Amino acid sequence: MLRHIVLVRVRPGPGEAEIAGIFDERHRIGGEIPGLLSIRSGRSECPEQIERGDRRGVTADFADRDAPAACRDRREYRKPGARLEQNAAGGRAGIPAFDLRLEGRAAGAAP
């Protein structure tokens, strides 16, 4: 399984409804694309408050490493991504992403 993690620093200006609408678009496609297992999004809950601005995040869990390519080819997946870029501080540069392969056992879990 692969977890795609996207962080967004929202630029000043867009309202809460605009950002929520972008995330809602992503959630609607969750069950429509083969290999896309789940999508979650929201504001940072970091107790240290080290976000350096208005930080939101989105995670998408994929069945395997090939599944994200199937999403990127779909208009309904690309459209909210483009809107997110428009509302991010610095455009695309304000949206770091990271893919984490989820295999094996979690740290601290019993063997």
Protein backbone atom coordinates (compact mmCIF):
# COMPACT_ATOMS: atom_id res chain seq x y z
CA MET A 1 0.00 0.00 0.00
CA LEU A 2 1.15 3.54 -0.69
CA ARG A 3 0.13 6.65 1.28
CA HIS A 4 0.36 9.89 -0.69
CA ILE A 5 0.74 12.81 1.74
CA VAL A 6 0.20 16.39 0.57
CA LEU A 7 0.72 19.47 2.72
CA VAL A 8 -0.65 22.86 1.73
CA ARG A 9 0.12 26.32 3.02
CA VAL A 10 -2.99 28.27 2.08
CA ARG A 11 -2.33 31.76 0.74
CA PRO A 12 -4.09 34.72 2.39
CA GLY A 13 -7.46 35.35 0.83
CA PRO A 14 -9.42 32.19 0.11
CA GLY A 15 -12.20 31.56 2.55
CA GLU A 16 -12.81 28.42 4.54
CA ALA A 17 -15.64 27.44 2.18
CA GLU A 18 -13.31 27.56 -0.85
CA ILE A 19 -10.72 25.27 0.73
CA ALA A 20 -13.38 22.90 2.11
CA GLY A 21 -14.92 22.72 -1.37
CA ILE A 22 -11.62 21.65 -2.90
CA PHE A 23 -11.20 18.88 -0.34
CA ASP A 24 -14.83 17.81 -0.81
CA GLU A 25 -14.17 17.35 -4.55
CA ARG A 26 -11.34 14.96 -3.72
CA HIS A 27 -13.46 13.02 -1.24
CA ARG A 28 -16.21 12.50 -3.83
CA ILE A 29 -13.90 10.52 -6.11
CA GLY A 30 -12.72 8.21 -3.32
CA GLY A 31 -14.77 5.22 -4.39
CA GLU A 32 -14.71 5.86 -8.14
CA ILE A 33 -11.09 5.18 -9.11
CA PRO A 34 -9.72 1.63 -8.94
CA GLY A 35 -6.77 1.39 -6.58
CA LEU A 36 -7.68 4.54 -4.64
CA LEU A 37 -8.59 3.13 -1.24
CA SER A 38 -9.29 6.25 0.84
CA ILE A 39 -8.87 10.01 1.05
CA ARG A 40 -8.63 12.08 4.23
CA SER A 41 -8.08 15.80 4.68
CA GLY A 42 -8.13 18.57 7.24
CA ARG A 43 -6.24 21.20 9.20
CA SER A 44 -3.06 20.50 11.07
CA GLU A 45 -3.58 19.37 14.65
CA CYS A 46 0.10 19.73 15.54
CA PRO A 47 0.29 20.55 19.28
CA GLU A 48 3.69 22.23 18.78
CA GLN A 49 2.09 24.70 16.31
CA ILE A 50 5.13 24.64 14.04
CA GLU A 51 3.19 24.77 10.77
CA ARG A 52 4.44 28.23 9.74
CA GLY A 53 1.13 29.45 8.36
CA ASP A 54 -2.28 28.02 7.56
CA ARG A 55 -1.50 24.36 6.93
CA ARG A 56 -3.89 21.79 5.57
CA GLY A 57 -3.19 18.28 4.53
CA VAL A 58 -4.57 15.54 2.33
CA THR A 59 -3.69 11.86 2.37
CA ALA A 60 -4.68 9.33 -0.25
CA ASP A 61 -4.12 5.61 0.28
CA PHE A 62 -3.47 3.56 -2.84
CA ALA A 63 -3.47 -0.20 -3.29
CA ASP A 64 0.00 -0.20 -4.86
CA ARG A 65 2.66 1.98 -6.52
CA ASP A 66 0.91 1.91 -9.90
CA ALA A 67 -2.46 3.18 -8.66
CA PRO A 68 -1.49 6.91 -8.36
CA ALA A 69 -0.78 7.04 -12.11
CA ALA A 70 -4.36 5.95 -12.80
CA CYS A 71 -5.60 8.86 -10.67
CA ARG A 72 -3.38 11.47 -12.32
CA ASP A 73 -4.86 10.53 -15.68
CA ARG A 74 -8.41 11.32 -14.54
CA ARG A 75 -9.87 14.81 -14.95
CA GLU A 76 -11.90 14.57 -11.74
CA TYR A 77 -8.66 13.98 -9.82
CA ARG A 78 -6.65 16.73 -11.55
CA LYS A 79 -9.32 19.45 -11.26
CA PRO A 80 -9.25 19.87 -7.45
CA GLY A 81 -5.44 19.64 -7.58
CA ALA A 82 -5.33 22.63 -9.92
CA ARG A 83 -7.68 24.57 -7.63
CA LEU A 84 -5.47 23.71 -4.67
CA GLU A 85 -2.42 25.08 -6.53
CA GLN A 86 -4.29 28.34 -7.17
CA ASN A 87 -4.99 28.74 -3.46
CA ALA A 88 -1.60 27.67 -2.12
CA ALA A 89 1.00 30.21 -1.02
CA GLY A 90 3.60 30.02 -3.77
CA GLY A 91 1.42 27.94 -6.09
CA ARG A 92 2.72 24.44 -6.71
CA ALA A 93 5.88 25.24 -4.69
CA GLY A 94 3.62 25.67 -1.63
CA ILE A 95 2.43 22.07 -1.86
CA PRO A 96 5.06 19.55 -0.81
CA ALA A 97 4.12 15.91 -1.29
CA PHE A 98 5.53 12.64 0.00
CA ASP A 99 4.75 9.02 -0.84
CA LEU A 100 5.15 6.56 2.00
CA ARG A 101 5.14 2.83 1.31
CA LEU A 102 3.16 1.07 4.05
CA GLU A 103 4.54 -2.41 4.43
CA GLY A 104 5.45 -4.59 7.36
CA ARG A 105 4.48 -3.88 10.92
CA ALA A 106 4.05 -0.53 12.61
CA ALA A 107 6.77 0.70 14.95
CA GLY A 108 6.22 -0.64 18.44
CA ALA A 109 3.78 -3.32 17.28
CA ALA A 110 4.21 -6.84 18.52
CA PRO A 111 5.89 -9.18 16.00
